[in-house]
C-alpha cells in the first residue's frame, strides 16, 4: 500500500513539473515581438487569485455546465469531462459540442490528459475543484466560479466577465427573457409541474424543489410546484427531495416530467408498475413526459432554452 502511494506521488510530481515547464517559456526567451501573448489580467475568486490570458484559446472546462457556458459564449473549450451519473450534454448540443476532448468522468479527471492538451486557462465551479485547485494551478491559470442551481444566470455573467464576453451573455439572457414572455402569453392558466429524476441502480428517485435548476425555470415561466411539496423544502436545504414508492402521492400534479439518467429505465418502470403510481391524476390524464437528465437536472443558458422548448412542446403545442 505504501509503495502504491509513493508511486502515485511520483506520478503527480511528474505531471506538475511537466505542466510548469509548459506554462510559460523562460523569461529570457520572450522577445518584445511576442510579449503580448503572455499578458494577463488578475482575477480574484473564492479559491485565490489567477492571472489569466486576455484572450484564452485553449480552455479546459472541468464539468459540462462550464462547457455549456463556454459554448453559449462562442468559446469552445478544448476538453471537458462527462457527468458521473447524469446523461451527457454532448448529444443534446450536437455539432456545437463536437471535437471537445473527453477528460473521463467529473469524479475522476484525467490529469495527464489535461497536461498533454497544454491549456492556457482552466475553468470550473468552486465546489468541484477545491481539492485539486493547487495541482490544477500548476498546470494552467485556474479559476473557480460560484454556482447555485437556481442562480445559474449569475454563473453565466461571472464566466462572461472573466473571458471578456459580458455583452454576449446579456444578449443571451435578453433573448431568453423574450422567449419566456412568449410562453406566458400562450398559457391560459397556471399549471402545477413536478420534476422527478430517476437514477440507474437502486438510488431512490428525487423530485426537484424551488432551489433546483429546472424548477427555477418552471417558476419563471409562470408555472408552480404542487403545494404539497412546499413543506418539504426549506431554505438552505438540497435542491431535491427523495421520494419512495410509499410517498409517490407527493408527485401528483397537472404535468410531470420524469428526467431519466442513462440506464434508469428499470427504476422508472418499477414506479410505473406500482398501483400507487397508476392512481396519480397526472398518470390517469396521460400528462407524464420523459426527458433527458443531461439538460433537465443541471445546466445553464443552453439547457434552460432546451427546457423551454420542451415546455412549449408539451404544454402549448400538445393537443
C-alpha atoms as a PDB file:
ATOM      1  CA  UNK A   1       0.000   0.000   0.000  1.00  0.00           C
ATOM      2  CA  UNK A   2       2.836   2.422   0.899  1.00  0.00           C
ATOM      3  CA  UNK A   3       4.611   1.625  -2.354  1.00  0.00           C
ATOM      4  CA  UNK A   4       1.424   2.448  -4.293  1.00  0.00           C
ATOM      5  CA  UNK A   5       1.112   5.826  -2.569  1.00  0.00           C
ATOM      6  CA  UNK A   6       4.742   6.653  -3.307  1.00  0.00           C
ATOM      7  CA  UNK A   7       4.265   5.711  -6.960  1.00  0.00           C
ATOM      8  CA  UNK A   8       1.142   7.916  -7.168  1.00  0.00           C
ATOM      9  CA  UNK A   9       3.030  10.834  -5.604  1.00  0.00           C
ATOM     10  CA  UNK A  10       5.877  10.441  -8.118  1.00  0.00           C
ATOM     11  CA  UNK A  11       3.344  10.426 -10.981  1.00  0.00           C
ATOM     12  CA  UNK A  12       1.670  13.640  -9.787  1.00  0.00           C
ATOM     13  CA  UNK A  13       5.042  15.298  -9.267  1.00  0.00           C
ATOM     14  CA  UNK A  14       5.988  14.448 -12.828  1.00  0.00           C
ATOM     15  CA  UNK A  15       2.709  15.905 -14.085  1.00  0.00           C
ATOM     16  CA  UNK A  16       3.266  19.150 -12.207  1.00  0.00           C
ATOM     17  CA  UNK A  17       6.863  19.512 -13.376  1.00  0.00           C
ATOM     18  CA  UNK A  18       5.837  18.840 -16.968  1.00  0.00           C
ATOM     19  CA  UNK A  19       2.994  21.336 -16.729  1.00  0.00           C
ATOM     20  CA  UNK A  20       5.181  24.007 -15.219  1.00  0.00           C
ATOM     21  CA  UNK A  21       7.745  23.605 -17.957  1.00  0.00           C
ATOM     22  CA  UNK A  22       4.983  24.310 -20.493  1.00  0.00           C
ATOM     23  CA  UNK A  23       3.232  27.035 -18.527  1.00  0.00           C
ATOM     24  CA  UNK A  24       5.435  29.909 -19.694  1.00  0.00           C
ATOM     25  CA  UNK A  25       8.742  29.956 -21.539  1.00  0.00           C
ATOM     26  CA  UNK A  26      11.782  31.214 -19.641  1.00  0.00           C
ATOM     27  CA  UNK A  27      11.806  34.987 -19.312  1.00  0.00           C
ATOM     28  CA  UNK A  28      14.938  35.358 -21.387  1.00  0.00           C
ATOM     29  CA  UNK A  29      13.221  33.700 -24.366  1.00  0.00           C
ATOM     30  CA  UNK A  30      10.331  36.181 -24.546  1.00  0.00           C
ATOM     31  CA  UNK A  31      11.106  38.799 -27.161  1.00  0.00           C
ATOM     32  CA  UNK A  32       9.356  42.156 -27.492  1.00  0.00           C
ATOM     33  CA  UNK A  33       7.518  40.854 -30.566  1.00  0.00           C
ATOM     34  CA  UNK A  34       5.721  38.044 -28.716  1.00  0.00           C
ATOM     35  CA  UNK A  35       5.432  39.637 -25.281  1.00  0.00           C
ATOM     36  CA  UNK A  36       1.724  40.451 -25.829  1.00  0.00           C
ATOM     37  CA  UNK A  37       0.939  36.732 -25.913  1.00  0.00           C
ATOM     38  CA  UNK A  38       1.820  36.457 -22.231  1.00  0.00           C
ATOM     39  CA  UNK A  39      -0.103  39.491 -20.972  1.00  0.00           C
ATOM     40  CA  UNK A  40      -2.781  38.554 -18.480  1.00  0.00           C
ATOM     41  CA  UNK A  41      -5.331  40.032 -16.100  1.00  0.00           C
ATOM     42  CA  UNK A  42      -5.682  39.185 -12.433  1.00  0.00           C
ATOM     43  CA  UNK A  43      -8.978  37.565 -11.463  1.00  0.00           C
ATOM     44  CA  UNK A  44      -9.902  37.226  -7.796  1.00  0.00           C
ATOM     45  CA  UNK A  45     -12.142  34.299  -6.857  1.00  0.00           C
ATOM     46  CA  UNK A  46     -13.055  32.198  -3.826  1.00  0.00           C
ATOM     47  CA  UNK A  47     -10.046  29.933  -4.211  1.00  0.00           C
ATOM     48  CA  UNK A  48      -7.451  32.684  -4.672  1.00  0.00           C
ATOM     49  CA  UNK A  49      -6.107  34.907  -7.451  1.00  0.00           C
ATOM     50  CA  UNK A  50      -5.251  33.864 -11.000  1.00  0.00           C
ATOM     51  CA  UNK A  51      -3.626  35.818 -13.803  1.00  0.00           C
ATOM     52  CA  UNK A  52      -5.432  34.629 -16.918  1.00  0.00           C
ATOM     53  CA  UNK A  53      -4.704  35.327 -20.591  1.00  0.00           C
ATOM     54  CA  UNK A  54      -6.519  38.302 -22.095  1.00  0.00           C
ATOM     55  CA  UNK A  55      -7.657  36.109 -24.980  1.00  0.00           C
ATOM     56  CA  UNK A  56      -7.594  32.477 -23.838  1.00  0.00           C
ATOM     57  CA  UNK A  57      -7.549  29.978 -26.690  1.00  0.00           C
ATOM     58  CA  UNK A  58      -7.185  26.576 -25.015  1.00  0.00           C
ATOM     59  CA  UNK A  59      -9.664  26.429 -22.137  1.00  0.00           C
ATOM     60  CA  UNK A  60     -10.322  23.314 -20.104  1.00  0.00           C
ATOM     61  CA  UNK A  61     -13.854  23.080 -18.656  1.00  0.00           C
ATOM     62  CA  UNK A  62     -13.950  20.940 -15.523  1.00  0.00           C
ATOM     63  CA  UNK A  63     -17.606  19.937 -15.934  1.00  0.00           C
ATOM     64  CA  UNK A  64     -20.291  20.026 -18.601  1.00  0.00           C
ATOM     65  CA  UNK A  65     -22.105  23.029 -17.143  1.00  0.00           C
ATOM     66  CA  UNK A  66     -18.955  25.091 -17.623  1.00  0.00           C
ATOM     67  CA  UNK A  67     -18.579  23.555 -21.093  1.00  0.00           C
ATOM     68  CA  UNK A  68     -22.147  24.667 -21.841  1.00  0.00           C
ATOM     69  CA  UNK A  69     -21.483  28.246 -20.720  1.00  0.00           C
ATOM     70  CA  UNK A  70     -18.379  28.482 -22.888  1.00  0.00           C
ATOM     71  CA  UNK A  71     -20.236  27.080 -25.899  1.00  0.00           C
ATOM     72  CA  UNK A  72     -23.032  29.605 -25.402  1.00  0.00           C
ATOM     73  CA  UNK A  73     -20.428  32.376 -25.313  1.00  0.00           C
ATOM     74  CA  UNK A  74     -18.888  31.141 -28.582  1.00  0.00           C
ATOM     75  CA  UNK A  75     -15.660  29.969 -26.970  1.00  0.00           C
ATOM     76  CA  UNK A  76     -15.433  26.202 -27.357  1.00  0.00           C
ATOM     77  CA  UNK A  77     -13.264  24.506 -24.709  1.00  0.00           C
ATOM     78  CA  UNK A  78     -10.607  22.052 -25.849  1.00  0.00           C
ATOM     79  CA  UNK A  79     -11.750  19.463 -23.319  1.00  0.00           C
ATOM     80  CA  UNK A  80     -14.347  18.657 -20.661  1.00  0.00           C
ATOM     81  CA  UNK A  81     -15.320  15.604 -18.579  1.00  0.00           C
ATOM     82  CA  UNK A  82     -18.655  13.795 -18.606  1.00  0.00           C
ATOM     83  CA  UNK A  83     -21.098  13.763 -15.668  1.00  0.00           C
ATOM     84  CA  UNK A  84     -20.656  10.986 -13.146  1.00  0.00           C
ATOM     85  CA  UNK A  85     -24.331   9.906 -13.207  1.00  0.00           C
ATOM     86  CA  UNK A  86     -26.492  12.134 -15.401  1.00  0.00           C
ATOM     87  CA  UNK A  87     -26.566  11.945 -19.160  1.00  0.00           C
ATOM     88  CA  UNK A  88     -24.005  13.864 -21.195  1.00  0.00           C
ATOM     89  CA  UNK A  89     -24.975  17.195 -22.776  1.00  0.00           C
ATOM     90  CA  UNK A  90     -22.774  16.499 -25.806  1.00  0.00           C
ATOM     91  CA  UNK A  91     -25.515  14.563 -27.579  1.00  0.00           C
ATOM     92  CA  UNK A  92     -28.054  17.334 -26.972  1.00  0.00           C
ATOM     93  CA  UNK A  93     -25.740  20.066 -28.214  1.00  0.00           C
ATOM     94  CA  UNK A  94     -24.704  18.078 -31.294  1.00  0.00           C
ATOM     95  CA  UNK A  95     -22.126  19.655 -33.589  1.00  0.00           C
ATOM     96  CA  UNK A  96     -21.778  22.637 -31.275  1.00  0.00           C
ATOM     97  CA  UNK A  97     -20.020  20.320 -28.810  1.00  0.00           C
ATOM     98  CA  UNK A  98     -18.132  18.358 -31.458  1.00  0.00           C
ATOM     99  CA  UNK A  99     -14.381  17.731 -31.182  1.00  0.00           C
ATOM    100  CA  UNK A 100     -14.218  18.526 -27.473  1.00  0.00           C
ATOM    101  CA  UNK A 101     -11.776  16.060 -25.919  1.00  0.00           C
ATOM    102  CA  UNK A 102     -13.163  13.813 -23.156  1.00  0.00           C
ATOM    103  CA  UNK A 103     -11.475  14.014 -19.748  1.00  0.00           C
ATOM    104  CA  UNK A 104     -13.309  10.998 -18.313  1.00  0.00           C
ATOM    105  CA  UNK A 105     -15.859  11.316 -15.522  1.00  0.00           C
ATOM    106  CA  UNK A 106     -16.089  14.501 -13.444  1.00  0.00           C
ATOM    107  CA  UNK A 107     -15.281  12.491 -10.318  1.00  0.00           C
ATOM    108  CA  UNK A 108     -12.072  11.050 -11.871  1.00  0.00           C
ATOM    109  CA  UNK A 109     -10.478  13.720 -14.038  1.00  0.00           C
ATOM    110  CA  UNK A 110      -7.695  12.563 -16.348  1.00  0.00           C
ATOM    111  CA  UNK A 111      -4.922  14.895 -15.168  1.00  0.00           C
ATOM    112  CA  UNK A 112      -2.362  13.538 -17.594  1.00  0.00           C
ATOM    113  CA  UNK A 113      -4.642  14.379 -20.492  1.00  0.00           C
ATOM    114  CA  UNK A 114      -5.184  17.892 -19.139  1.00  0.00           C
ATOM    115  CA  UNK A 115      -1.419  18.401 -19.115  1.00  0.00           C
ATOM    116  CA  UNK A 116      -0.999  16.988 -22.621  1.00  0.00           C
ATOM    117  CA  UNK A 117      -3.586  19.446 -24.005  1.00  0.00           C
ATOM    118  CA  UNK A 118      -1.421  22.395 -22.888  1.00  0.00           C
ATOM    119  CA  UNK A 119      -4.320  24.604 -21.700  1.00  0.00           C
ATOM    120  CA  UNK A 120      -3.935  28.335 -21.129  1.00  0.00           C
ATOM    121  CA  UNK A 121      -6.929  28.511 -18.750  1.00  0.00           C
ATOM    122  CA  UNK A 122      -8.850  26.042 -16.578  1.00  0.00           C
ATOM    123  CA  UNK A 123     -12.391  26.924 -15.518  1.00  0.00           C
ATOM    124  CA  UNK A 124     -14.610  25.101 -13.062  1.00  0.00           C
ATOM    125  CA  UNK A 125     -17.020  25.680 -10.209  1.00  0.00           C
ATOM    126  CA  UNK A 126     -15.601  26.335  -6.753  1.00  0.00           C
ATOM    127  CA  UNK A 127     -17.384  23.427  -5.051  1.00  0.00           C
ATOM    128  CA  UNK A 128     -15.954  20.947  -7.558  1.00  0.00           C
ATOM    129  CA  UNK A 129     -12.284  21.923  -7.777  1.00  0.00           C
ATOM    130  CA  UNK A 130     -11.324  22.984  -4.257  1.00  0.00           C
ATOM    131  CA  UNK A 131      -9.372  19.799  -3.538  1.00  0.00           C
ATOM    132  CA  UNK A 132      -7.429  19.888  -6.801  1.00  0.00           C
ATOM    133  CA  UNK A 133      -7.051  23.645  -7.102  1.00  0.00           C
ATOM    134  CA  UNK A 134      -3.326  23.841  -6.266  1.00  0.00           C
ATOM    135  CA  UNK A 135      -2.496  20.957  -8.563  1.00  0.00           C
ATOM    136  CA  UNK A 136      -4.509  22.402 -11.448  1.00  0.00           C
ATOM    137  CA  UNK A 137      -2.995  25.853 -10.908  1.00  0.00           C
ATOM    138  CA  UNK A 138       0.435  24.369 -11.595  1.00  0.00           C
ATOM    139  CA  UNK A 139      -0.846  23.206 -14.986  1.00  0.00           C
ATOM    140  CA  UNK A 140      -2.509  26.478 -16.072  1.00  0.00           C
ATOM    141  CA  UNK A 141      -4.231  29.509 -14.504  1.00  0.00           C
ATOM    142  CA  UNK A 142      -7.284  28.064 -12.751  1.00  0.00           C
ATOM    143  CA  UNK A 143     -10.433  29.928 -11.731  1.00  0.00           C
ATOM    144  CA  UNK A 144     -13.269  28.651  -9.571  1.00  0.00           C
ATOM    145  CA  UNK A 145     -16.669  30.255 -10.184  1.00  0.00           C
ATOM    146  CA  UNK A 146     -19.614  30.185  -7.779  1.00  0.00           C
ATOM    147  CA  UNK A 147     -22.600  28.174  -8.946  1.00  0.00           C
ATOM    148  CA  UNK A 148     -26.006  27.895  -7.310  1.00  0.00           C
ATOM    149  CA  UNK A 149     -28.552  25.932  -9.317  1.00  0.00           C
ATOM    150  CA  UNK A 150     -31.354  28.473  -9.036  1.00  0.00           C
ATOM    151  CA  UNK A 151     -28.818  31.276  -9.587  1.00  0.00           C
ATOM    152  CA  UNK A 152     -27.407  29.926 -12.846  1.00  0.00           C
ATOM    153  CA  UNK A 153     -27.663  33.342 -14.522  1.00  0.00           C
ATOM    154  CA  UNK A 154     -25.098  34.739 -12.082  1.00  0.00           C
ATOM    155  CA  UNK A 155     -22.677  31.974 -13.072  1.00  0.00           C
ATOM    156  CA  UNK A 156     -23.150  32.819 -16.752  1.00  0.00           C
ATOM    157  CA  UNK A 157     -22.418  36.502 -16.130  1.00  0.00           C
ATOM    158  CA  UNK A 158     -19.385  35.691 -13.953  1.00  0.00           C
ATOM    159  CA  UNK A 159     -17.778  33.474 -16.576  1.00  0.00           C
ATOM    160  CA  UNK A 160     -18.595  36.000 -19.303  1.00  0.00           C
ATOM    161  CA  UNK A 161     -16.839  38.752 -17.348  1.00  0.00           C
ATOM    162  CA  UNK A 162     -13.759  36.582 -16.844  1.00  0.00           C
ATOM    163  CA  UNK A 163     -13.353  35.816 -20.542  1.00  0.00           C
ATOM    164  CA  UNK A 164     -14.499  39.185 -21.871  1.00  0.00           C
ATOM    165  CA  UNK A 165     -17.906  38.103 -23.199  1.00  0.00           C
ATOM    166  CA  UNK A 166     -20.259  40.134 -20.989  1.00  0.00           C
ATOM    167  CA  UNK A 167     -22.110  41.696 -23.907  1.00  0.00           C
ATOM    168  CA  UNK A 168     -22.782  38.265 -25.414  1.00  0.00           C
ATOM    169  CA  UNK A 169     -24.081  36.956 -22.067  1.00  0.00           C
ATOM    170  CA  UNK A 170     -26.502  39.862 -21.666  1.00  0.00           C
ATOM    171  CA  UNK A 171     -27.786  39.294 -25.193  1.00  0.00           C
ATOM    172  CA  UNK A 172     -28.385  35.602 -24.451  1.00  0.00           C
ATOM    173  CA  UNK A 173     -30.326  36.469 -21.292  1.00  0.00           C
ATOM    174  CA  UNK A 174     -32.387  39.095 -23.124  1.00  0.00           C
ATOM    175  CA  UNK A 175     -33.352  36.536 -25.782  1.00  0.00           C
ATOM    176  CA  UNK A 176     -34.197  34.023 -23.042  1.00  0.00           C
ATOM    177  CA  UNK A 177     -36.500  36.531 -21.307  1.00  0.00           C
ATOM    178  CA  UNK A 178     -38.247  37.261 -24.611  1.00  0.00           C
ATOM    179  CA  UNK A 179     -38.874  33.540 -25.036  1.00  0.00           C
ATOM    180  CA  UNK A 180     -40.344  33.375 -21.524  1.00  0.00           C
ATOM    181  CA  UNK A 181     -42.666  36.294 -22.302  1.00  0.00           C
ATOM    182  CA  UNK A 182     -43.989  34.460 -25.364  1.00  0.00           C
ATOM    183  CA  UNK A 183     -44.591  31.308 -23.294  1.00  0.00           C
ATOM    184  CA  UNK A 184     -46.505  33.217 -20.622  1.00  0.00           C
ATOM    185  CA  UNK A 185     -48.815  34.620 -23.298  1.00  0.00           C
ATOM    186  CA  UNK A 186     -49.546  31.116 -24.590  1.00  0.00           C
ATOM    187  CA  UNK A 187     -50.508  29.579 -21.227  1.00  0.00           C
ATOM    188  CA  UNK A 188     -54.184  30.099 -20.461  1.00  0.00           C
ATOM    189  CA  UNK A 189     -53.968  29.277 -16.748  1.00  0.00           C
ATOM    190  CA  UNK A 190     -51.339  28.326 -14.198  1.00  0.00           C
ATOM    191  CA  UNK A 191     -50.412  24.673 -14.018  1.00  0.00           C
ATOM    192  CA  UNK A 192     -48.539  22.678 -11.392  1.00  0.00           C
ATOM    193  CA  UNK A 193     -45.448  20.786 -12.503  1.00  0.00           C
ATOM    194  CA  UNK A 194     -43.374  18.071 -10.872  1.00  0.00           C
ATOM    195  CA  UNK A 195     -39.834  17.266 -11.985  1.00  0.00           C
ATOM    196  CA  UNK A 196     -38.503  13.920 -10.800  1.00  0.00           C
ATOM    197  CA  UNK A 197     -35.128  12.378 -11.521  1.00  0.00           C
ATOM    198  CA  UNK A 198     -34.651   8.628 -11.929  1.00  0.00           C
ATOM    199  CA  UNK A 199     -31.209   7.115 -11.407  1.00  0.00           C
ATOM    200  CA  UNK A 200     -29.753   3.833 -12.560  1.00  0.00           C
ATOM    201  CA  UNK A 201     -29.409   1.132  -9.921  1.00  0.00           C
ATOM    202  CA  UNK A 202     -31.105   1.267  -6.528  1.00  0.00           C
ATOM    203  CA  UNK A 203     -30.897   5.006  -5.836  1.00  0.00           C
ATOM    204  CA  UNK A 204     -34.245   6.421  -4.705  1.00  0.00           C
ATOM    205  CA  UNK A 205     -35.724   8.914  -7.211  1.00  0.00           C
ATOM    206  CA  UNK A 206     -35.944  12.574  -6.208  1.00  0.00           C
ATOM    207  CA  UNK A 207     -38.273  15.420  -7.069  1.00  0.00           C
ATOM    208  CA  UNK A 208     -36.662  18.812  -7.671  1.00  0.00           C
ATOM    209  CA  UNK A 209     -37.641  21.732  -5.436  1.00  0.00           C
ATOM    210  CA  UNK A 210     -37.547  25.526  -5.765  1.00  0.00           C
ATOM    211  CA  UNK A 211     -33.765  25.654  -5.226  1.00  0.00           C
ATOM    212  CA  UNK A 212     -33.123  23.452  -8.234  1.00  0.00           C
ATOM    213  CA  UNK A 213     -32.178  24.417 -11.783  1.00  0.00           C
ATOM    214  CA  UNK A 214     -35.319  23.104 -13.559  1.00  0.00           C
ATOM    215  CA  UNK A 215     -37.842  24.431 -11.039  1.00  0.00           C
ATOM    216  CA  UNK A 216     -36.233  27.887 -11.168  1.00  0.00           C
ATOM    217  CA  UNK A 217     -37.132  27.920 -14.873  1.00  0.00           C
ATOM    218  CA  UNK A 218     -40.585  26.452 -14.350  1.00  0.00           C
ATOM    219  CA  UNK A 219     -41.339  29.133 -11.757  1.00  0.00           C
ATOM    220  CA  UNK A 220     -40.048  31.891 -14.014  1.00  0.00           C
ATOM    221  CA  UNK A 221     -42.421  30.948 -16.828  1.00  0.00           C
ATOM    222  CA  UNK A 222     -45.443  31.168 -14.521  1.00  0.00           C
ATOM    223  CA  UNK A 223     -45.841  27.517 -13.509  1.00  0.00           C
ATOM    224  CA  UNK A 224     -45.518  26.192  -9.963  1.00  0.00           C
ATOM    225  CA  UNK A 225     -44.710  23.171  -7.839  1.00  0.00           C
ATOM    226  CA  UNK A 226     -47.610  21.267  -6.208  1.00  0.00           C
ATOM    227  CA  UNK A 227     -48.392  22.855  -2.824  1.00  0.00           C
ATOM    228  CA  UNK A 228     -47.926  19.531  -1.022  1.00  0.00           C
ATOM    229  CA  UNK A 229     -44.219  19.609  -1.961  1.00  0.00           C
ATOM    230  CA  UNK A 230     -43.534  23.029  -0.413  1.00  0.00           C
ATOM    231  CA  UNK A 231     -43.485  21.960   3.279  1.00  0.00           C
ATOM    232  CA  UNK A 232     -40.661  19.532   2.462  1.00  0.00           C
ATOM    233  CA  UNK A 233     -38.486  22.367   1.159  1.00  0.00           C
ATOM    234  CA  UNK A 234     -36.845  24.900   3.453  1.00  0.00           C
ATOM    235  CA  UNK A 235     -34.170  27.488   2.805  1.00  0.00           C
ATOM    236  CA  UNK A 236     -30.609  26.155   2.693  1.00  0.00           C
ATOM    237  CA  UNK A 237     -31.513  22.562   2.004  1.00  0.00           C
ATOM    238  CA  UNK A 238     -30.572  20.487  -1.034  1.00  0.00           C
ATOM    239  CA  UNK A 239     -32.417  21.199  -4.308  1.00  0.00           C
ATOM    240  CA  UNK A 240     -34.115  17.786  -4.221  1.00  0.00           C
ATOM    241  CA  UNK A 241     -36.216  15.522  -2.015  1.00  0.00           C
ATOM    242  CA  UNK A 242     -36.136  11.714  -2.188  1.00  0.00           C
ATOM    243  CA  UNK A 243     -39.466  10.056  -2.953  1.00  0.00           C
ATOM    244  CA  UNK A 244     -40.033   6.404  -2.114  1.00  0.00           C
ATOM    245  CA  UNK A 245     -42.939   4.484  -3.627  1.00  0.00           C
ATOM    246  CA  UNK A 246     -44.847   4.883  -0.358  1.00  0.00           C
ATOM    247  CA  UNK A 247     -44.808   8.700  -0.815  1.00  0.00           C
ATOM    248  CA  UNK A 248     -45.387   8.787  -4.550  1.00  0.00           C
ATOM    249  CA  UNK A 249     -48.557  10.822  -3.933  1.00  0.00           C
ATOM    250  CA  UNK A 250     -46.272  13.833  -3.461  1.00  0.00           C
ATOM    251  CA  UNK A 251     -45.584  13.800  -7.196  1.00  0.00           C
ATOM    252  CA  UNK A 252     -49.160  14.371  -8.348  1.00  0.00           C
ATOM    253  CA  UNK A 253     -49.516  17.498 -10.467  1.00  0.00           C
ATOM    254  CA  UNK A 254     -51.015  18.756 -13.722  1.00  0.00           C
ATOM    255  CA  UNK A 255     -47.783  17.876 -15.526  1.00  0.00           C
ATOM    256  CA  UNK A 256     -44.939  15.529 -14.561  1.00  0.00           C
ATOM    257  CA  UNK A 257     -41.519  15.467 -16.198  1.00  0.00           C
ATOM    258  CA  UNK A 258     -39.501  12.322 -15.497  1.00  0.00           C
ATOM    259  CA  UNK A 259     -35.820  13.109 -16.109  1.00  0.00           C
ATOM    260  CA  UNK A 260     -34.043   9.843 -16.842  1.00  0.00           C
ATOM    261  CA  UNK A 261     -30.372   9.133 -16.233  1.00  0.00           C
ATOM    262  CA  UNK A 262     -28.656   6.610 -18.529  1.00  0.00           C
ATOM    263  CA  UNK A 263     -29.778   3.054 -17.696  1.00  0.00           C
ATOM    264  CA  UNK A 264     -32.523   4.289 -15.360  1.00  0.00           C
ATOM    265  CA  UNK A 265     -35.346   2.667 -17.322  1.00  0.00           C
ATOM    266  CA  UNK A 266     -35.721  -0.213 -14.833  1.00  0.00           C
ATOM    267  CA  UNK A 267     -36.072   2.184 -11.921  1.00  0.00           C
ATOM    268  CA  UNK A 268     -38.670   4.206 -13.818  1.00  0.00           C
ATOM    269  CA  UNK A 269     -40.545   1.055 -14.813  1.00  0.00           C
ATOM    270  CA  UNK A 270     -40.683  -0.054 -11.169  1.00  0.00           C
ATOM    271  CA  UNK A 271     -42.596   3.112 -10.288  1.00  0.00           C
ATOM    272  CA  UNK A 272     -44.808   2.900 -13.372  1.00  0.00           C
ATOM    273  CA  UNK A 273     -45.827  -0.649 -12.450  1.00  0.00           C
ATOM    274  CA  UNK A 274     -46.881   0.370  -8.945  1.00  0.00           C
ATOM    275  CA  UNK A 275     -50.640   0.730  -8.270  1.00  0.00           C
ATOM    276  CA  UNK A 276     -49.783   3.851  -6.250  1.00  0.00           C
ATOM    277  CA  UNK A 277     -48.233   5.457  -9.337  1.00  0.00           C
ATOM    278  CA  UNK A 278     -51.163   4.439 -11.518  1.00  0.00           C
ATOM    279  CA  UNK A 279     -53.573   6.164  -9.137  1.00  0.00           C
ATOM    280  CA  UNK A 280     -51.959   9.571  -9.664  1.00  0.00           C
ATOM    281  CA  UNK A 281     -54.167  12.021 -11.555  1.00  0.00           C
ATOM    282  CA  UNK A 282     -51.238  13.104 -13.715  1.00  0.00           C
ATOM    283  CA  UNK A 283     -50.814   9.482 -14.813  1.00  0.00           C
ATOM    284  CA  UNK A 284     -54.526   8.956 -15.443  1.00  0.00           C
ATOM    285  CA  UNK A 285     -54.596  12.151 -17.513  1.00  0.00           C
ATOM    286  CA  UNK A 286     -51.620  10.945 -19.560  1.00  0.00           C
ATOM    287  CA  UNK A 287     -49.524  14.023 -18.743  1.00  0.00           C
ATOM    288  CA  UNK A 288     -46.267  12.278 -17.791  1.00  0.00           C
ATOM    289  CA  UNK A 289     -43.377  13.095 -20.127  1.00  0.00           C
ATOM    290  CA  UNK A 290     -39.916  11.552 -20.122  1.00  0.00           C
ATOM    291  CA  UNK A 291     -36.989  13.910 -20.683  1.00  0.00           C
ATOM    292  CA  UNK A 292     -33.207  13.685 -20.676  1.00  0.00           C
ATOM    293  CA  UNK A 293     -31.476  14.347 -17.354  1.00  0.00           C
ATOM    294  CA  UNK A 294     -28.459  15.768 -19.202  1.00  0.00           C
ATOM    295  CA  UNK A 295     -30.117  19.157 -19.581  1.00  0.00           C
ATOM    296  CA  UNK A 296     -33.111  18.968 -17.229  1.00  0.00           C
ATOM    297  CA  UNK A 297     -31.290  18.474 -13.919  1.00  0.00           C
ATOM    298  CA  UNK A 298     -28.211  20.730 -14.104  1.00  0.00           C
ATOM    299  CA  UNK A 299     -27.283  23.373 -16.618  1.00  0.00           C
ATOM    300  CA  UNK A 300     -27.158  26.927 -17.815  1.00  0.00           C
ATOM    301  CA  UNK A 301     -28.473  29.044 -20.681  1.00  0.00           C
ATOM    302  CA  UNK A 302     -28.434  26.363 -23.401  1.00  0.00           C
ATOM    303  CA  UNK A 303     -30.134  23.837 -21.126  1.00  0.00           C
ATOM    304  CA  UNK A 304     -32.622  26.471 -19.954  1.00  0.00           C
ATOM    305  CA  UNK A 305     -33.613  27.133 -23.553  1.00  0.00           C
ATOM    306  CA  UNK A 306     -33.897  23.383 -24.196  1.00  0.00           C
ATOM    307  CA  UNK A 307     -36.235  23.064 -21.199  1.00  0.00           C
ATOM    308  CA  UNK A 308     -38.311  25.945 -22.564  1.00  0.00           C
ATOM    309  CA  UNK A 309     -38.542  24.086 -25.874  1.00  0.00           C
ATOM    310  CA  UNK A 310     -39.903  21.044 -24.023  1.00  0.00           C
ATOM    311  CA  UNK A 311     -42.418  23.212 -22.168  1.00  0.00           C
ATOM    312  CA  UNK A 312     -43.633  24.676 -25.461  1.00  0.00           C
ATOM    313  CA  UNK A 313     -43.930  21.177 -26.944  1.00  0.00           C
ATOM    314  CA  UNK A 314     -45.864  19.589 -24.090  1.00  0.00           C
ATOM    315  CA  UNK A 315     -47.853  22.495 -22.660  1.00  0.00           C
ATOM    316  CA  UNK A 316     -48.503  24.739 -25.677  1.00  0.00           C
ATOM    317  CA  UNK A 317     -48.334  22.643 -28.835  1.00  0.00           C
ATOM    318  CA  UNK A 318     -49.799  19.489 -27.309  1.00  0.00           C
ATOM    319  CA  UNK A 319     -53.487  18.877 -28.052  1.00  0.00           C
END
